[in-house]
């Protein structure tokens, strides 16, 4: 299932990218490098939806992107490997996109790990330095709902970056 979702994500990215004119990277003197981050939080007993274990992932950019796609999975890595998928999200003209995946507390206790994929399409005046698509596994952590979960760190995350370059003289929405 995950590989099919990755393929769909890449296909969507390719379709969106097809509408963007890609230019060669500008000279170092005329460019400013910016970075978007993909953060995959540690799975935890939810404080927002009682009775669930969830993981949240967020893509954050310093300027509004033409589009940001994010898809998140929650994986149980202890016992029988199981995956719960979130709903893919798109944002347009925004600096961030957030997604989550969750399961019932009855799936725990166990070791859980988040996974996310993101694709950004930069606004006019920016070019990608590398790929606009990146994916990340978060840290595998033990999760149990209830009082034990409340003592565990719930906001910690693991991040990766996607780089883009601002062309000289370009302006963007902030």
N, C-alpha and C. Protein backbone atom coordinates (compact mmCIF):
# COMPACT_ATOMS: atom_id res chain seq x y z
N UNK A 1 0.83 -1.19 0.00
CA UNK A 1 0.00 0.00 0.00
C UNK A 1 0.88 1.25 0.00
N UNK A 2 1.94 1.23 0.84
CA UNK A 2 2.79 2.41 0.94
C UNK A 2 3.42 2.74 -0.40
N UNK A 3 3.90 1.70 -1.11
CA UNK A 3 4.57 1.97 -2.38
C UNK A 3 3.60 2.53 -3.41
N UNK A 4 2.36 2.08 -3.38
CA UNK A 4 1.35 2.64 -4.29
C UNK A 4 1.10 4.10 -3.96
N UNK A 5 1.04 4.45 -2.65
CA UNK A 5 0.82 5.84 -2.25
C UNK A 5 2.01 6.70 -2.64
N UNK A 6 3.23 6.15 -2.54
CA UNK A 6 4.42 6.90 -2.97
C UNK A 6 4.33 7.16 -4.47
N UNK A 7 3.98 6.12 -5.23
CA UNK A 7 3.88 6.27 -6.68
C UNK A 7 2.83 7.33 -7.03
N UNK A 8 1.71 7.32 -6.33
CA UNK A 8 0.67 8.32 -6.57
C UNK A 8 1.20 9.71 -6.23
N UNK A 9 1.92 9.82 -5.11
CA UNK A 9 2.49 11.11 -4.72
C UNK A 9 3.45 11.63 -5.77
N UNK A 10 4.32 10.74 -6.30
CA UNK A 10 5.25 11.17 -7.33
C UNK A 10 4.51 11.53 -8.62
N UNK A 11 3.45 10.79 -8.94
CA UNK A 11 2.68 11.10 -10.15
C UNK A 11 2.02 12.46 -10.02
N UNK A 12 1.44 12.74 -8.85
CA UNK A 12 0.83 14.05 -8.62
C UNK A 12 1.89 15.14 -8.72
N UNK A 13 3.04 14.90 -8.11
CA UNK A 13 4.12 15.88 -8.16
C UNK A 13 4.55 16.13 -9.61
N UNK A 14 4.63 15.06 -10.39
CA UNK A 14 5.04 15.22 -11.79
C UNK A 14 4.01 16.01 -12.57
N UNK A 15 2.72 15.75 -12.32
CA UNK A 15 1.68 16.50 -13.01
C UNK A 15 1.72 17.98 -12.64
N UNK A 16 1.87 18.25 -11.33
CA UNK A 16 1.94 19.64 -10.89
C UNK A 16 3.20 20.30 -11.43
N UNK A 17 4.32 19.56 -11.36
CA UNK A 17 5.59 20.13 -11.83
C UNK A 17 5.56 20.41 -13.33
N UNK A 18 4.74 19.66 -14.06
CA UNK A 18 4.65 19.88 -15.49
C UNK A 18 4.13 21.26 -15.84
N UNK A 19 3.44 21.90 -14.90
CA UNK A 19 2.91 23.23 -15.17
C UNK A 19 3.87 24.33 -14.73
N UNK A 20 5.03 23.95 -14.23
CA UNK A 20 6.01 24.92 -13.75
C UNK A 20 7.18 24.97 -14.73
N UNK A 21 7.65 26.15 -15.05
CA UNK A 21 8.82 26.29 -15.91
C UNK A 21 10.05 26.18 -15.02
N UNK A 22 10.84 25.15 -15.24
CA UNK A 22 12.05 24.95 -14.45
C UNK A 22 13.20 25.69 -15.12
N UNK A 23 13.91 26.46 -14.34
CA UNK A 23 15.03 27.24 -14.86
C UNK A 23 16.32 26.72 -14.23
N UNK A 24 17.45 26.91 -14.90
CA UNK A 24 18.70 26.51 -14.27
C UNK A 24 18.93 27.34 -13.01
N UNK A 25 19.67 26.76 -12.08
CA UNK A 25 19.96 27.47 -10.84
C UNK A 25 20.72 28.75 -11.14
N UNK A 26 20.36 29.85 -10.51
CA UNK A 26 21.04 31.11 -10.75
C UNK A 26 22.43 31.11 -10.12
N UNK A 27 23.22 32.11 -10.47
CA UNK A 27 24.56 32.19 -9.91
C UNK A 27 24.47 32.43 -8.41
N UNK A 28 25.51 32.04 -7.68
CA UNK A 28 25.53 32.15 -6.23
C UNK A 28 25.37 33.61 -5.79
N UNK A 29 25.89 34.56 -6.58
CA UNK A 29 25.80 35.96 -6.20
C UNK A 29 24.37 36.48 -6.26
N UNK A 30 23.55 35.91 -7.15
CA UNK A 30 22.21 36.43 -7.36
C UNK A 30 21.14 35.65 -6.60
N UNK A 31 21.54 34.64 -5.82
CA UNK A 31 20.55 33.75 -5.23
C UNK A 31 20.61 33.74 -3.71
N UNK A 32 19.47 33.45 -3.12
CA UNK A 32 19.37 33.24 -1.69
C UNK A 32 18.76 31.86 -1.50
N UNK A 33 19.45 30.96 -0.77
CA UNK A 33 18.92 29.62 -0.55
C UNK A 33 17.97 29.62 0.63
N UNK A 34 16.82 28.98 0.45
CA UNK A 34 15.83 28.82 1.50
C UNK A 34 15.61 27.32 1.71
N UNK A 35 15.09 26.96 2.88
CA UNK A 35 14.85 25.55 3.14
C UNK A 35 13.48 25.32 3.75
N UNK A 36 12.79 24.32 3.22
CA UNK A 36 11.55 23.84 3.81
C UNK A 36 11.91 22.61 4.64
N UNK A 37 11.17 22.36 5.71
CA UNK A 37 11.44 21.20 6.55
C UNK A 37 10.24 20.28 6.60
N UNK A 38 10.52 19.00 6.68
CA UNK A 38 9.51 17.98 6.93
C UNK A 38 9.81 17.43 8.31
N UNK A 39 8.90 17.63 9.25
CA UNK A 39 9.07 17.14 10.62
C UNK A 39 8.06 16.03 10.88
N UNK A 40 8.57 14.90 11.35
CA UNK A 40 7.71 13.77 11.72
C UNK A 40 7.78 13.64 13.23
N UNK A 41 6.68 13.94 13.90
CA UNK A 41 6.66 13.88 15.36
C UNK A 41 6.70 12.43 15.83
N UNK A 42 7.06 12.27 17.10
CA UNK A 42 7.05 10.94 17.69
C UNK A 42 5.60 10.51 17.90
N UNK A 43 5.27 9.26 17.60
CA UNK A 43 3.91 8.76 17.88
C UNK A 43 3.61 8.90 19.37
N UNK A 44 2.32 9.12 19.68
CA UNK A 44 1.95 9.33 21.09
C UNK A 44 0.46 9.07 21.29
N UNK A 45 0.11 8.86 22.55
CA UNK A 45 -1.30 8.80 22.90
C UNK A 45 -1.87 10.19 22.73
N UNK A 46 -2.90 10.32 21.93
CA UNK A 46 -3.42 11.64 21.59
C UNK A 46 -4.02 12.36 22.79
N UNK A 47 -3.76 13.65 22.85
CA UNK A 47 -4.40 14.50 23.85
C UNK A 47 -5.59 15.22 23.24
N UNK A 48 -5.76 15.15 21.91
CA UNK A 48 -6.86 15.81 21.21
C UNK A 48 -8.04 14.87 20.96
N UNK A 49 -7.74 13.62 20.63
CA UNK A 49 -8.78 12.64 20.35
C UNK A 49 -8.59 11.48 21.33
N UNK A 50 -9.35 11.47 22.38
CA UNK A 50 -9.22 10.46 23.43
C UNK A 50 -9.35 9.06 22.86
N UNK A 51 -8.48 8.17 23.35
CA UNK A 51 -8.55 6.77 22.93
C UNK A 51 -7.82 6.44 21.66
N UNK A 52 -6.94 7.35 21.19
CA UNK A 52 -6.19 7.08 19.96
C UNK A 52 -4.69 7.27 20.15
N UNK A 53 -3.96 6.58 19.31
CA UNK A 53 -2.51 6.76 19.17
C UNK A 53 -2.34 7.44 17.82
N UNK A 54 -1.56 8.52 17.79
CA UNK A 54 -1.40 9.18 16.50
C UNK A 54 0.01 9.70 16.29
N UNK A 55 0.26 10.08 15.06
CA UNK A 55 1.51 10.73 14.68
C UNK A 55 1.14 11.88 13.76
N UNK A 56 1.86 12.99 13.91
CA UNK A 56 1.62 14.19 13.12
C UNK A 56 2.90 14.52 12.36
N UNK A 57 2.76 14.95 11.13
CA UNK A 57 3.90 15.42 10.34
C UNK A 57 3.53 16.78 9.76
N UNK A 58 4.54 17.66 9.67
CA UNK A 58 4.31 19.02 9.19
C UNK A 58 5.43 19.40 8.22
N UNK A 59 5.03 19.96 7.09
CA UNK A 59 5.99 20.58 6.17
C UNK A 59 5.87 22.08 6.38
N UNK A 60 7.01 22.73 6.61
CA UNK A 60 7.05 24.18 6.87
C UNK A 60 8.06 24.83 5.94
N UNK A 61 7.65 25.89 5.28
CA UNK A 61 8.51 26.64 4.38
C UNK A 61 8.57 28.10 4.83
N UNK A 62 9.65 28.83 4.49
CA UNK A 62 9.77 30.22 4.91
C UNK A 62 8.89 31.19 4.12
N UNK A 63 8.44 30.77 2.95
CA UNK A 63 7.53 31.59 2.13
C UNK A 63 6.41 30.68 1.62
N UNK A 64 5.32 31.29 1.20
CA UNK A 64 4.18 30.52 0.68
C UNK A 64 4.58 29.79 -0.60
N UNK A 65 4.23 28.51 -0.70
CA UNK A 65 4.53 27.70 -1.87
C UNK A 65 3.31 27.69 -2.80
N UNK A 66 3.54 27.39 -4.06
CA UNK A 66 2.44 27.21 -4.98
C UNK A 66 1.56 26.08 -4.45
N UNK A 67 2.19 24.97 -4.06
CA UNK A 67 1.45 23.89 -3.42
C UNK A 67 2.39 23.07 -2.53
N UNK A 68 1.78 22.46 -1.52
CA UNK A 68 2.49 21.53 -0.64
C UNK A 68 1.58 20.31 -0.49
N UNK A 69 2.14 19.14 -0.73
CA UNK A 69 1.44 17.86 -0.55
C UNK A 69 2.08 17.15 0.63
N UNK A 70 1.28 16.53 1.49
CA UNK A 70 1.83 15.74 2.60
C UNK A 70 0.93 14.52 2.82
N UNK A 71 1.56 13.39 3.09
CA UNK A 71 0.85 12.15 3.37
C UNK A 71 1.58 11.49 4.54
N UNK A 72 0.83 10.96 5.50
CA UNK A 72 1.40 10.44 6.74
C UNK A 72 0.90 9.03 7.00
N UNK A 73 1.78 8.20 7.56
CA UNK A 73 1.43 6.85 8.00
C UNK A 73 1.90 6.64 9.43
N UNK A 74 1.16 5.83 10.16
CA UNK A 74 1.54 5.37 11.49
C UNK A 74 1.81 3.88 11.37
N UNK A 75 3.01 3.46 11.77
CA UNK A 75 3.40 2.06 11.66
C UNK A 75 3.64 1.47 13.03
N UNK A 76 3.08 0.30 13.28
CA UNK A 76 3.41 -0.44 14.50
C UNK A 76 4.52 -1.40 14.11
N UNK A 77 5.68 -1.24 14.75
CA UNK A 77 6.85 -2.02 14.38
C UNK A 77 7.11 -3.19 15.31
N UNK A 78 6.38 -3.28 16.43
CA UNK A 78 6.53 -4.42 17.33
C UNK A 78 5.39 -5.40 17.08
N UNK A 79 5.66 -6.68 17.34
CA UNK A 79 4.62 -7.68 17.08
C UNK A 79 4.36 -7.76 15.59
N UNK A 80 3.10 -7.80 15.21
CA UNK A 80 2.73 -7.84 13.80
C UNK A 80 2.83 -6.43 13.23
N UNK A 81 3.68 -6.25 12.20
CA UNK A 81 3.85 -4.94 11.56
C UNK A 81 2.52 -4.53 10.94
N UNK A 82 2.03 -3.34 11.33
CA UNK A 82 0.75 -2.84 10.84
C UNK A 82 0.89 -1.37 10.47
N UNK A 83 0.19 -0.97 9.42
CA UNK A 83 0.23 0.42 8.97
C UNK A 83 -1.17 1.01 8.95
N UNK A 84 -1.30 2.23 9.50
CA UNK A 84 -2.54 2.99 9.42
C UNK A 84 -2.22 4.24 8.62
N UNK A 85 -3.02 4.52 7.61
CA UNK A 85 -2.75 5.64 6.72
C UNK A 85 -3.63 6.83 7.07
N UNK A 86 -3.06 8.00 6.89
CA UNK A 86 -3.82 9.24 7.05
C UNK A 86 -4.43 9.63 5.72
N UNK A 87 -5.07 10.77 5.70
CA UNK A 87 -5.64 11.30 4.47
C UNK A 87 -4.64 12.28 3.86
N UNK A 88 -4.22 12.06 2.62
CA UNK A 88 -3.28 13.01 1.99
C UNK A 88 -3.86 14.42 2.00
N UNK A 89 -2.99 15.40 2.22
CA UNK A 89 -3.42 16.80 2.29
C UNK A 89 -2.65 17.63 1.26
N UNK A 90 -3.34 18.62 0.73
CA UNK A 90 -2.73 19.60 -0.16
C UNK A 90 -3.03 20.99 0.40
N UNK A 91 -2.06 21.88 0.34
CA UNK A 91 -2.32 23.29 0.61
C UNK A 91 -1.81 24.07 -0.59
N UNK A 92 -2.45 25.19 -0.86
CA UNK A 92 -2.08 26.03 -2.00
C UNK A 92 -1.88 27.45 -1.49
N UNK A 93 -0.72 28.05 -1.85
CA UNK A 93 -0.44 29.42 -1.44
C UNK A 93 -0.20 29.56 0.06
N UNK A 94 0.26 28.51 0.70
CA UNK A 94 0.51 28.52 2.15
C UNK A 94 1.96 28.16 2.45
N UNK A 95 2.38 28.45 3.68
CA UNK A 95 3.74 28.12 4.13
C UNK A 95 3.82 26.72 4.74
N UNK A 96 2.68 26.14 5.13
CA UNK A 96 2.70 24.86 5.83
C UNK A 96 1.62 23.92 5.32
N UNK A 97 1.85 22.64 5.57
CA UNK A 97 0.85 21.60 5.38
C UNK A 97 1.07 20.60 6.50
N UNK A 98 -0.04 20.13 7.08
CA UNK A 98 0.05 19.20 8.20
C UNK A 98 -0.86 18.01 7.95
N UNK A 99 -0.38 16.83 8.32
CA UNK A 99 -1.18 15.63 8.19
C UNK A 99 -0.99 14.75 9.42
N UNK A 100 -1.87 13.79 9.58
CA UNK A 100 -1.72 12.85 10.68
C UNK A 100 -2.28 11.50 10.30
N UNK A 101 -1.90 10.49 11.08
CA UNK A 101 -2.44 9.15 10.96
C UNK A 101 -2.65 8.64 12.38
N UNK A 102 -3.70 7.84 12.58
CA UNK A 102 -4.03 7.41 13.93
C UNK A 102 -4.65 6.02 13.93
N UNK A 103 -4.65 5.43 15.12
CA UNK A 103 -5.32 4.16 15.35
C UNK A 103 -5.88 4.17 16.77
N UNK A 104 -6.67 3.20 17.06
CA UNK A 104 -7.24 3.06 18.40
C UNK A 104 -6.16 2.67 19.41
N UNK A 105 -6.34 3.08 20.64
CA UNK A 105 -5.41 2.69 21.71
C UNK A 105 -5.35 1.18 21.87
N UNK A 106 -6.36 0.47 21.40
CA UNK A 106 -6.35 -0.98 21.52
C UNK A 106 -5.23 -1.62 20.69
N UNK A 107 -4.62 -0.87 19.77
CA UNK A 107 -3.50 -1.38 18.98
C UNK A 107 -2.21 -1.38 19.79
N UNK A 108 -2.21 -0.70 20.93
CA UNK A 108 -1.03 -0.65 21.80
C UNK A 108 -1.25 -1.53 23.00
N UNK A 109 -0.33 -1.53 23.94
CA UNK A 109 0.94 -0.84 23.83
C UNK A 109 1.84 -1.52 22.80
N UNK A 110 2.81 -0.76 22.33
CA UNK A 110 3.74 -1.29 21.35
C UNK A 110 4.71 -0.21 20.90
N UNK A 111 5.53 -0.58 19.94
CA UNK A 111 6.48 0.37 19.37
C UNK A 111 5.89 0.87 18.06
N UNK A 112 5.80 2.19 17.94
CA UNK A 112 5.21 2.82 16.77
C UNK A 112 6.20 3.79 16.14
N UNK A 113 6.02 4.00 14.84
CA UNK A 113 6.90 4.90 14.09
C UNK A 113 6.08 5.61 13.03
N UNK A 114 6.33 6.91 12.88
CA UNK A 114 5.66 7.68 11.85
C UNK A 114 6.47 7.70 10.57
N UNK A 115 5.79 7.92 9.46
CA UNK A 115 6.42 8.07 8.15
C UNK A 115 5.63 9.11 7.40
N UNK A 116 6.32 9.96 6.64
CA UNK A 116 5.63 10.98 5.85
C UNK A 116 6.37 11.22 4.55
N UNK A 117 5.60 11.65 3.55
CA UNK A 117 6.16 12.09 2.28
C UNK A 117 5.59 13.48 2.00
N UNK A 118 6.41 14.34 1.44
CA UNK A 118 5.95 15.68 1.08
C UNK A 118 6.50 16.05 -0.29
N UNK A 119 5.74 16.86 -1.00
CA UNK A 119 6.19 17.42 -2.27
C UNK A 119 5.84 18.89 -2.26
N UNK A 120 6.82 19.73 -2.58
CA UNK A 120 6.57 21.17 -2.68
C UNK A 120 6.73 21.62 -4.12
N UNK A 121 5.93 22.59 -4.50
CA UNK A 121 6.08 23.27 -5.79
C UNK A 121 6.30 24.74 -5.44
N UNK A 122 7.50 25.26 -5.73
CA UNK A 122 7.82 26.63 -5.33
C UNK A 122 7.04 27.66 -6.14
N UNK A 123 6.91 28.86 -5.58
CA UNK A 123 6.22 29.93 -6.31
C UNK A 123 7.12 30.50 -7.41
N UNK A 124 6.54 31.34 -8.24
CA UNK A 124 7.31 32.03 -9.27
C UNK A 124 8.47 32.77 -8.62
N UNK A 125 9.62 32.73 -9.26
CA UNK A 125 10.79 33.41 -8.73
C UNK A 125 11.69 32.51 -7.90
N UNK A 126 11.30 31.25 -7.72
CA UNK A 126 12.08 30.28 -6.96
C UNK A 126 12.28 29.03 -7.80
N UNK A 127 13.42 28.38 -7.62
CA UNK A 127 13.69 27.09 -8.25
C UNK A 127 14.17 26.14 -7.17
N UNK A 128 13.87 24.86 -7.36
CA UNK A 128 14.34 23.85 -6.44
C UNK A 128 15.83 23.61 -6.64
N UNK A 129 16.56 23.45 -5.56
CA UNK A 129 17.98 23.14 -5.64
C UNK A 129 18.16 21.65 -5.93
N UNK A 130 17.28 20.83 -5.41
CA UNK A 130 17.29 19.38 -5.63
C UNK A 130 15.86 18.94 -5.89
N UNK A 131 15.50 17.78 -5.38
CA UNK A 131 14.15 17.26 -5.55
C UNK A 131 13.16 18.03 -4.68
N UNK A 132 11.97 18.20 -5.16
CA UNK A 132 10.91 18.82 -4.37
C UNK A 132 10.13 17.81 -3.56
N UNK A 133 10.50 16.53 -3.69
CA UNK A 133 9.83 15.46 -2.94
C UNK A 133 10.81 14.83 -1.98
N UNK A 134 10.35 14.61 -0.76
CA UNK A 134 11.18 13.96 0.24
C UNK A 134 10.29 13.15 1.16
N UNK A 135 10.85 12.10 1.74
CA UNK A 135 10.11 11.30 2.71
C UNK A 135 11.00 11.01 3.90
N UNK A 136 10.36 10.70 5.02
CA UNK A 136 11.10 10.57 6.28
C UNK A 136 10.39 9.62 7.22
N UNK A 137 11.15 8.70 7.83
CA UNK A 137 10.66 7.93 8.97
C UNK A 137 11.03 8.71 10.22
N UNK A 138 10.13 8.75 11.18
CA UNK A 138 10.42 9.33 12.48
C UNK A 138 11.04 8.27 13.37
N UNK A 139 11.32 8.62 14.59
CA UNK A 139 11.89 7.71 15.56
C UNK A 139 10.83 6.71 16.04
N UNK A 140 11.23 5.45 16.16
CA UNK A 140 10.34 4.42 16.71
C UNK A 140 10.33 4.57 18.22
N UNK A 141 9.13 4.70 18.80
CA UNK A 141 9.01 4.89 20.25
C UNK A 141 7.92 3.96 20.81
N UNK A 142 8.07 3.62 22.09
CA UNK A 142 7.05 2.83 22.77
C UNK A 142 5.88 3.74 23.12
N UNK A 143 4.68 3.27 22.84
CA UNK A 143 3.49 4.06 23.11
C UNK A 143 2.47 3.20 23.85
N UNK A 144 1.94 3.76 24.90
CA UNK A 144 0.81 3.17 25.62
C UNK A 144 -0.13 4.31 25.96
N UNK A 145 -1.40 4.10 25.80
CA UNK A 145 -2.36 5.14 26.14
C UNK A 145 -2.54 5.21 27.65
N UNK A 146 -3.06 6.31 28.12
CA UNK A 146 -3.32 6.47 29.54
C UNK A 146 -2.22 7.24 30.24
N UNK A 147 -2.05 7.00 31.54
CA UNK A 147 -1.10 7.75 32.34
C UNK A 147 0.34 7.56 31.87
N UNK A 148 0.71 6.37 31.43
CA UNK A 148 2.08 6.14 30.98
C UNK A 148 2.41 7.01 29.78
N UNK A 149 1.45 7.22 28.91
CA UNK A 149 1.68 8.02 27.71
C UNK A 149 1.88 9.49 28.06
N UNK A 150 1.19 9.96 29.11
CA UNK A 150 1.27 11.37 29.47
C UNK A 150 2.67 11.77 29.90
N UNK A 151 3.45 10.82 30.42
CA UNK A 151 4.80 11.13 30.89
C UNK A 151 5.82 11.15 29.75
N UNK A 152 5.48 10.58 28.60
CA UNK A 152 6.42 10.50 27.48
C UNK A 152 6.45 11.82 26.71
N UNK A 153 7.62 12.17 26.15
CA UNK A 153 7.67 13.39 25.33
C UNK A 153 6.81 13.20 24.09
N UNK A 154 5.95 14.18 23.80
CA UNK A 154 5.02 14.02 22.69
C UNK A 154 5.26 14.99 21.54
N UNK A 155 6.12 15.96 21.71
CA UNK A 155 6.30 16.96 20.68
C UNK A 155 7.59 16.75 19.90
N UNK A 156 8.51 15.97 20.43
CA UNK A 156 9.80 15.77 19.76
C UNK A 156 9.57 15.29 18.33
N UNK A 157 10.47 15.67 17.42
CA UNK A 157 10.31 15.27 16.03
C UNK A 157 11.67 15.10 15.37
N UNK A 158 11.64 14.46 14.22
CA UNK A 158 12.81 14.29 13.38
C UNK A 158 12.55 15.06 12.10
N UNK A 159 13.56 15.79 11.60
CA UNK A 159 13.34 16.64 10.43
C UNK A 159 14.33 16.37 9.31
N UNK A 160 13.91 16.72 8.10
CA UNK A 160 14.78 16.78 6.94
C UNK A 160 14.45 18.07 6.20
N UNK A 161 15.30 18.48 5.27
CA UNK A 161 15.06 19.74 4.58
C UNK A 161 14.99 19.55 3.06
N UNK A 162 14.26 20.44 2.43
CA UNK A 162 14.19 20.57 0.97
C UNK A 162 14.66 21.98 0.67
N UNK A 163 15.63 22.12 -0.21
CA UNK A 163 16.20 23.44 -0.50
C UNK A 163 15.65 24.02 -1.79
N UNK A 164 15.47 25.34 -1.76
CA UNK A 164 15.08 26.06 -2.96
C UNK A 164 15.84 27.38 -2.97
N UNK A 165 15.93 27.97 -4.14
CA UNK A 165 16.70 29.18 -4.32
C UNK A 165 15.81 30.29 -4.82
N UNK A 166 15.93 31.46 -4.19
CA UNK A 166 15.19 32.65 -4.63
C UNK A 166 16.01 33.33 -5.70
N UNK A 167 15.40 33.59 -6.84
CA UNK A 167 16.09 34.28 -7.92
C UNK A 167 16.23 35.76 -7.58
N UNK A 168 17.27 36.37 -8.05
CA UNK A 168 17.51 37.79 -7.79
C UNK A 168 16.31 38.60 -8.28
N UNK A 169 15.86 39.52 -7.45
CA UNK A 169 14.77 40.42 -7.80
C UNK A 169 13.39 39.82 -7.64
N UNK A 170 13.29 38.54 -7.26
CA UNK A 170 11.99 37.90 -7.10
C UNK A 170 11.35 38.31 -5.79
N UNK A 171 10.05 38.44 -5.79
CA UNK A 171 9.32 38.71 -4.55
C UNK A 171 8.34 37.56 -4.36
N UNK A 172 8.01 37.29 -3.11
CA UNK A 172 7.06 36.21 -2.81
C UNK A 172 6.17 36.63 -1.66
N UNK A 173 4.99 36.00 -1.58
CA UNK A 173 4.09 36.23 -0.45
C UNK A 173 4.70 35.62 0.80
N UNK A 174 4.58 36.29 1.91
CA UNK A 174 5.10 35.71 3.15
C UNK A 174 3.98 35.30 4.05
